[in-house]
Structure formats: C-alpha cells, structure tokens
Amino acid sequence: MNLFVGNLNYSSTEQGLRALFEEYGQVDSAKIIKDWESGRSRGFGFIEMPNDGEARTAVEGANGRVLDGRPLRVSEAQSRGERPSRRPSPAP
C-alpha cells in the first residue's frame, strides 16, 4: 500500500521517515518529494508498505505524530487518476 505523508519539516530525511514507519512494519521505500529546481523538500512524501494491515496500522499510529517538530498528516495515497485536477479547465 502506498501512503501519503504531509506536513513534513523541510529538514526531515528519508532515513528518518523510514525509521518512523518501520515501527509499524516492513517498509519497501520512503521518498520525500523535492522541488526539481531547488532540490528543497516540498513538505510531503510517500511510504510504500507491502502489507496492507501494517500500512493501515501505520496510518492510524503515525497520523498526528510529531517528526522533526511537525505533526504528520498520513493517509492512503490516491492514484494519479483519482486525484482532482489542480489545473483550470481550458476555455471553450
């Protein structure tokens, strides 16, 4: 299961994020999304966990938990097709 992790401190690391989620089970990957121009964190990331039960436990346990001074927002990630578009509709 793929989890969305928001409200990350800009100084948070992928290693620290992985360590937090490994408390709940096996983690396949931990990725902090960075701005492609500056290389600075965008304040959110994704965790991939192979066991759905462990992932659900991680959502419940890590949501609101403080990492590097900030309370995390954790939820199941939506696939790109399920997300609402952030671009305005083209003019007719």
Protein backbone atom coordinates (compact mmCIF):
# COMPACT_ATOMS: atom_id res chain seq x y z
CA MET A 1 0.00 0.00 0.00
CA ASN A 2 1.22 3.49 -0.81
CA LEU A 3 0.86 6.12 1.93
CA PHE A 4 0.91 9.89 1.62
CA VAL A 5 2.80 11.76 4.35
CA GLY A 6 2.20 15.51 4.55
CA ASN A 7 3.35 18.41 6.73
CA LEU A 8 6.97 17.23 6.73
CA ASN A 9 9.61 19.53 8.12
CA TYR A 10 11.86 20.74 5.28
CA SER A 11 14.83 19.27 7.18
CA SER A 12 13.28 15.78 7.50
CA THR A 13 15.21 12.96 5.81
CA GLU A 14 14.08 9.84 4.02
CA GLN A 15 16.02 7.78 6.58
CA GLY A 16 14.14 9.38 9.48
CA LEU A 17 10.82 8.92 7.71
CA ARG A 18 11.60 5.27 7.02
CA ALA A 19 12.64 4.67 10.64
CA LEU A 20 9.35 6.08 11.91
CA PHE A 21 7.24 3.86 9.64
CA GLU A 22 9.34 0.76 10.29
CA GLU A 23 7.92 0.88 13.82
CA TYR A 24 4.65 -0.29 12.23
CA GLY A 25 6.01 -2.92 9.83
CA GLN A 26 8.08 -3.54 6.71
CA VAL A 27 8.79 -0.51 4.52
CA ASP A 28 9.69 -1.02 0.86
CA SER A 29 10.51 2.63 0.21
CA ALA A 30 10.41 6.10 1.75
CA LYS A 31 10.52 9.07 -0.62
CA ILE A 32 10.46 12.78 0.17
CA ILE A 33 9.36 14.82 -2.85
CA LYS A 34 11.75 17.62 -3.74
CA ASP A 35 11.44 20.69 -5.92
CA TRP A 36 13.16 19.91 -9.19
CA GLU A 37 14.76 23.36 -9.49
CA SER A 38 15.99 24.00 -5.94
CA GLY A 39 16.29 20.43 -4.66
CA ARG A 40 14.48 21.54 -1.47
CA SER A 41 11.81 19.36 0.11
CA ARG A 42 8.24 20.20 -0.88
CA GLY A 43 7.00 19.14 2.57
CA PHE A 44 5.45 15.83 1.64
CA GLY A 45 6.44 12.30 0.72
CA PHE A 46 5.33 8.73 0.20
CA ILE A 47 5.85 5.45 2.03
CA GLU A 48 5.36 2.07 0.36
CA MET A 49 4.49 -0.84 2.66
CA PRO A 50 3.87 -4.34 1.23
CA ASN A 51 1.48 -5.46 3.99
CA ASP A 52 -1.89 -3.64 3.86
CA GLY A 53 -2.67 -4.42 7.51
CA GLU A 54 0.63 -2.93 8.67
CA ALA A 55 0.05 0.07 6.41
CA ARG A 56 -3.39 0.72 7.92
CA THR A 57 -1.87 0.45 11.40
CA ALA A 58 0.80 2.94 10.32
CA VAL A 59 -1.84 5.41 9.10
CA GLU A 60 -3.63 5.24 12.45
CA GLY A 61 -0.42 5.37 14.50
CA ALA A 62 1.60 7.94 12.58
CA ASN A 63 -1.17 10.42 11.69
CA GLY A 64 -0.66 13.37 14.04
CA ARG A 65 2.63 12.03 15.35
CA VAL A 66 5.41 14.61 15.55
CA LEU A 67 8.51 14.16 13.39
CA ASP A 68 11.22 16.82 13.46
CA GLY A 69 8.90 19.22 15.28
CA ARG A 70 5.85 18.91 12.99
CA PRO A 71 2.69 16.80 13.32
CA LEU A 72 2.40 14.49 10.31
CA ARG A 73 -0.68 14.05 8.16
CA VAL A 74 -0.78 10.44 7.00
CA SER A 75 -3.35 8.83 4.69
CA GLU A 76 -3.62 6.23 1.98
CA ALA A 77 -2.25 7.79 -1.21
CA GLN A 78 -4.61 8.28 -4.11
CA SER A 79 -3.55 7.13 -7.54
CA ARG A 80 -2.94 9.89 -10.04
CA GLY A 81 -6.19 9.07 -11.82
CA GLU A 82 -8.26 9.53 -8.63
CA ARG A 83 -6.91 12.96 -7.71
CA PRO A 84 -8.82 16.08 -8.75
CA SER A 85 -7.02 18.19 -11.30
CA ARG A 86 -5.35 21.31 -9.95
CA ARG A 87 -5.21 22.93 -13.38
CA PRO A 88 -8.04 25.19 -14.50
CA SER A 89 -10.26 23.86 -17.25
CA PRO A 90 -9.39 25.16 -20.71
CA ALA A 91 -11.62 27.94 -22.02
CA PRO A 92 -14.28 26.77 -24.50
